[in-house]
C-alpha atoms as a PDB file:
ATOM      1  CA  UNK A   1      57.302 -28.186-143.254  1.00  0.00           C
ATOM      2  CA  UNK A   2      59.361 -27.320-146.342  1.00  0.00           C
ATOM      3  CA  UNK A   3      62.544 -26.300-144.484  1.00  0.00           C
ATOM      4  CA  UNK A   4      62.385 -29.336-142.198  1.00  0.00           C
ATOM      5  CA  UNK A   5      61.644 -31.561-145.177  1.00  0.00           C
ATOM      6  CA  UNK A   6      64.472 -30.145-147.258  1.00  0.00           C
ATOM      7  CA  UNK A   7      66.905 -30.829-144.417  1.00  0.00           C
ATOM      8  CA  UNK A   8      65.715 -34.422-144.027  1.00  0.00           C
ATOM      9  CA  UNK A   9      66.018 -35.125-147.731  1.00  0.00           C
ATOM     10  CA  UNK A  10      69.544 -33.755-147.890  1.00  0.00           C
ATOM     11  CA  UNK A  11      70.908 -35.084-144.578  1.00  0.00           C
ATOM     12  CA  UNK A  12      70.844 -38.840-143.830  1.00  0.00           C
ATOM     13  CA  UNK A  13      72.080 -38.324-140.264  1.00  0.00           C
ATOM     14  CA  UNK A  14      69.228 -35.939-139.479  1.00  0.00           C
ATOM     15  CA  UNK A  15      66.719 -38.266-141.136  1.00  0.00           C
ATOM     16  CA  UNK A  16      68.097 -41.103-139.005  1.00  0.00           C
ATOM     17  CA  UNK A  17      67.376 -39.070-135.881  1.00  0.00           C
ATOM     18  CA  UNK A  18      63.841 -38.411-137.121  1.00  0.00           C
ATOM     19  CA  UNK A  19      62.882 -41.972-138.115  1.00  0.00           C
ATOM     20  CA  UNK A  20      65.752 -44.336-137.199  1.00  0.00           C
ATOM     21  CA  UNK A  21      64.069 -45.991-134.207  1.00  0.00           C
ATOM     22  CA  UNK A  22      60.962 -46.736-136.256  1.00  0.00           C
ATOM     23  CA  UNK A  23      63.066 -48.114-139.116  1.00  0.00           C
ATOM     24  CA  UNK A  24      64.794 -50.395-136.609  1.00  0.00           C
ATOM     25  CA  UNK A  25      61.360 -51.816-135.670  1.00  0.00           C
ATOM     26  CA  UNK A  26      60.390 -52.319-139.329  1.00  0.00           C
ATOM     27  CA  UNK A  27      63.671 -54.080-140.111  1.00  0.00           C
ATOM     28  CA  UNK A  28      63.185 -56.333-137.064  1.00  0.00           C
ATOM     29  CA  UNK A  29      59.649 -57.340-138.094  1.00  0.00           C
ATOM     30  CA  UNK A  30      60.901 -58.225-141.571  1.00  0.00           C
ATOM     31  CA  UNK A  31      63.893 -60.128-140.151  1.00  0.00           C
ATOM     32  CA  UNK A  32      61.592 -62.150-137.868  1.00  0.00           C
ATOM     33  CA  UNK A  33      59.351 -63.011-140.808  1.00  0.00           C
ATOM     34  CA  UNK A  34      62.221 -64.006-143.100  1.00  0.00           C
ATOM     35  CA  UNK A  35      63.949 -66.086-140.427  1.00  0.00           C
ATOM     36  CA  UNK A  36      60.694 -67.718-139.306  1.00  0.00           C
ATOM     37  CA  UNK A  37      61.100 -66.574-135.700  1.00  0.00           C
ATOM     38  CA  UNK A  38      57.888 -67.069-133.818  1.00  0.00           C
ATOM     39  CA  UNK A  39      56.409 -67.458-130.384  1.00  0.00           C
ATOM     40  CA  UNK A  40      55.510 -71.113-129.616  1.00  0.00           C
ATOM     41  CA  UNK A  41      52.086 -71.767-131.087  1.00  0.00           C
ATOM     42  CA  UNK A  42      52.083 -68.555-133.103  1.00  0.00           C
ATOM     43  CA  UNK A  43      53.570 -68.291-136.586  1.00  0.00           C
ATOM     44  CA  UNK A  44      55.795 -65.392-137.638  1.00  0.00           C
ATOM     45  CA  UNK A  45      54.085 -62.116-138.454  1.00  0.00           C
ATOM     46  CA  UNK A  46      52.038 -62.114-141.665  1.00  0.00           C
ATOM     47  CA  UNK A  47      51.220 -58.442-141.328  1.00  0.00           C
ATOM     48  CA  UNK A  48      52.291 -55.601-139.075  1.00  0.00           C
ATOM     49  CA  UNK A  49      50.369 -52.344-138.870  1.00  0.00           C
ATOM     50  CA  UNK A  50      51.878 -49.104-137.647  1.00  0.00           C
ATOM     51  CA  UNK A  51      50.244 -45.704-137.662  1.00  0.00           C
ATOM     52  CA  UNK A  52      51.585 -42.187-137.681  1.00  0.00           C
ATOM     53  CA  UNK A  53      51.149 -38.712-139.057  1.00  0.00           C
ATOM     54  CA  UNK A  54      52.369 -36.939-142.163  1.00  0.00           C
ATOM     55  CA  UNK A  55      55.418 -35.927-140.120  1.00  0.00           C
ATOM     56  CA  UNK A  56      56.172 -39.641-139.669  1.00  0.00           C
ATOM     57  CA  UNK A  57      55.520 -40.597-143.288  1.00  0.00           C
ATOM     58  CA  UNK A  58      57.759 -37.862-144.673  1.00  0.00           C
ATOM     59  CA  UNK A  59      61.046 -39.046-143.102  1.00  0.00           C
ATOM     60  CA  UNK A  60      60.060 -42.671-143.713  1.00  0.00           C
ATOM     61  CA  UNK A  61      59.439 -42.044-147.413  1.00  0.00           C
ATOM     62  CA  UNK A  62      62.718 -40.141-147.585  1.00  0.00           C
ATOM     63  CA  UNK A  63      64.641 -43.018-145.978  1.00  0.00           C
ATOM     64  CA  UNK A  64      62.946 -45.592-148.212  1.00  0.00           C
ATOM     65  CA  UNK A  65      63.791 -43.583-151.320  1.00  0.00           C
ATOM     66  CA  UNK A  66      60.121 -43.150-152.166  1.00  0.00           C
ATOM     67  CA  UNK A  67      59.775 -39.423-151.523  1.00  0.00           C
ATOM     68  CA  UNK A  68      58.101 -37.830-154.547  1.00  0.00           C
ATOM     69  CA  UNK A  69      58.856 -34.198-153.708  1.00  0.00           C
ATOM     70  CA  UNK A  70      55.504 -33.423-152.064  1.00  0.00           C
ATOM     71  CA  UNK A  71      54.492 -33.472-148.415  1.00  0.00           C
ATOM     72  CA  UNK A  72      52.232 -36.512-147.767  1.00  0.00           C
ATOM     73  CA  UNK A  73      48.573 -35.531-148.182  1.00  0.00           C
ATOM     74  CA  UNK A  74      45.934 -36.153-145.537  1.00  0.00           C
ATOM     75  CA  UNK A  75      45.062 -39.858-145.020  1.00  0.00           C
ATOM     76  CA  UNK A  76      48.174 -41.087-146.815  1.00  0.00           C
ATOM     77  CA  UNK A  77      49.384 -44.642-146.378  1.00  0.00           C
ATOM     78  CA  UNK A  78      52.542 -46.595-147.015  1.00  0.00           C
ATOM     79  CA  UNK A  79      52.657 -50.341-147.552  1.00  0.00           C
ATOM     80  CA  UNK A  80      56.016 -52.055-147.392  1.00  0.00           C
ATOM     81  CA  UNK A  81      55.395 -55.514-148.802  1.00  0.00           C
ATOM     82  CA  UNK A  82      57.683 -58.486-148.282  1.00  0.00           C
ATOM     83  CA  UNK A  83      57.351 -60.817-151.257  1.00  0.00           C
ATOM     84  CA  UNK A  84      58.467 -64.444-151.114  1.00  0.00           C
ATOM     85  CA  UNK A  85      59.663 -65.585-154.534  1.00  0.00           C
ATOM     86  CA  UNK A  86      59.962 -69.365-154.889  1.00  0.00           C
ATOM     87  CA  UNK A  87      62.110 -70.849-157.640  1.00  0.00           C
ATOM     88  CA  UNK A  88      60.597 -73.140-160.264  1.00  0.00           C
ATOM     89  CA  UNK A  89      61.539 -76.281-158.360  1.00  0.00           C
ATOM     90  CA  UNK A  90      59.877 -74.948-155.220  1.00  0.00           C
ATOM     91  CA  UNK A  91      62.814 -75.865-152.994  1.00  0.00           C
ATOM     92  CA  UNK A  92      64.314 -72.411-152.337  1.00  0.00           C
ATOM     93  CA  UNK A  93      62.867 -68.977-151.796  1.00  0.00           C
ATOM     94  CA  UNK A  94      64.183 -65.484-152.199  1.00  0.00           C
ATOM     95  CA  UNK A  95      62.654 -62.376-150.663  1.00  0.00           C
ATOM     96  CA  UNK A  96      61.912 -59.055-152.350  1.00  0.00           C
ATOM     97  CA  UNK A  97      60.479 -55.829-150.952  1.00  0.00           C
ATOM     98  CA  UNK A  98      58.063 -53.489-152.690  1.00  0.00           C
ATOM     99  CA  UNK A  99      56.831 -50.034-151.687  1.00  0.00           C
ATOM    100  CA  UNK A 100      53.226 -48.932-152.254  1.00  0.00           C
ATOM    101  CA  UNK A 101      52.453 -45.283-151.483  1.00  0.00           C
ATOM    102  CA  UNK A 102      48.814 -44.170-151.581  1.00  0.00           C
ATOM    103  CA  UNK A 103      47.848 -47.156-153.708  1.00  0.00           C
ATOM    104  CA  UNK A 104      50.613 -46.791-156.315  1.00  0.00           C
ATOM    105  CA  UNK A 105      53.930 -48.556-156.650  1.00  0.00           C
ATOM    106  CA  UNK A 106      56.728 -46.214-155.605  1.00  0.00           C
ATOM    107  CA  UNK A 107      60.493 -46.032-155.897  1.00  0.00           C
ATOM    108  CA  UNK A 108      62.418 -47.968-153.276  1.00  0.00           C
ATOM    109  CA  UNK A 109      66.119 -47.772-152.437  1.00  0.00           C
ATOM    110  CA  UNK A 110      66.834 -45.789-155.582  1.00  0.00           C
ATOM    111  CA  UNK A 111      65.155 -48.250-157.964  1.00  0.00           C
ATOM    112  CA  UNK A 112      62.441 -47.257-160.399  1.00  0.00           C
ATOM    113  CA  UNK A 113      58.835 -47.173-159.263  1.00  0.00           C
ATOM    114  CA  UNK A 114      57.336 -50.566-158.690  1.00  0.00           C
ATOM    115  CA  UNK A 115      60.554 -52.531-159.013  1.00  0.00           C
ATOM    116  CA  UNK A 116      60.804 -54.914-156.051  1.00  0.00           C
ATOM    117  CA  UNK A 117      64.278 -54.906-154.511  1.00  0.00           C
ATOM    118  CA  UNK A 118      66.164 -57.765-152.947  1.00  0.00           C
ATOM    119  CA  UNK A 119      65.494 -58.067-149.220  1.00  0.00           C
ATOM    120  CA  UNK A 120      69.207 -57.896-148.399  1.00  0.00           C
ATOM    121  CA  UNK A 121      69.557 -54.632-150.323  1.00  0.00           C
ATOM    122  CA  UNK A 122      66.506 -53.206-148.544  1.00  0.00           C
ATOM    123  CA  UNK A 123      67.969 -53.994-145.117  1.00  0.00           C
ATOM    124  CA  UNK A 124      71.410 -52.635-146.046  1.00  0.00           C
ATOM    125  CA  UNK A 125      69.810 -49.448-147.340  1.00  0.00           C
ATOM    126  CA  UNK A 126      67.702 -48.923-144.208  1.00  0.00           C
ATOM    127  CA  UNK A 127      70.504 -49.764-141.778  1.00  0.00           C
ATOM    128  CA  UNK A 128      72.206 -46.478-142.686  1.00  0.00           C
ATOM    129  CA  UNK A 129      69.313 -44.651-140.983  1.00  0.00           C
ATOM    130  CA  UNK A 130      69.401 -46.618-137.720  1.00  0.00           C
ATOM    131  CA  UNK A 131      71.138 -44.647-134.973  1.00  0.00           C
ATOM    132  CA  UNK A 132      73.094 -46.969-132.669  1.00  0.00           C
ATOM    133  CA  UNK A 133      73.292 -44.534-129.739  1.00  0.00           C
ATOM    134  CA  UNK A 134      70.494 -41.973-129.874  1.00  0.00           C
ATOM    135  CA  UNK A 135      71.604 -40.217-126.660  1.00  0.00           C
ATOM    136  CA  UNK A 136      75.121 -39.695-127.993  1.00  0.00           C
ATOM    137  CA  UNK A 137      73.829 -38.597-131.387  1.00  0.00           C
ATOM    138  CA  UNK A 138      71.593 -35.982-129.772  1.00  0.00           C
ATOM    139  CA  UNK A 139      74.194 -34.734-127.258  1.00  0.00           C
ATOM    140  CA  UNK A 140      75.141 -31.092-127.405  1.00  0.00           C
ATOM    141  CA  UNK A 141      78.675 -30.074-126.582  1.00  0.00           C
ATOM    142  CA  UNK A 142      78.695 -27.402-123.904  1.00  0.00           C
END
């Protein structure tokens, strides 16, 4: 896993191929929650649960900026929390995102561990890993 991992850490395009479609789903769930999109009679998502393997967590942690240099151990988990911050008057809200990795606050988007980042920055950061045309990106010139 080290060689594959080293390549993912050092190459955003390759990491996008590894995890970009999943990141697109995560960004969409967050966007639906922030915008209040819902199915009639059902409120927007309060929680979304995805599962994967260490080989899924590794490129995700790398894209999020939370990779700590070690391959994810068995039974690892990542929580990406969307926090709604309401101003003192209660009339406007701002959104922040926080990364929890195996029960501890972790770096996100290049910020120090535990520091929630603005939602807009989170989305901008993750959008660089979303591959618009996967077939074209994976094409091999003959």
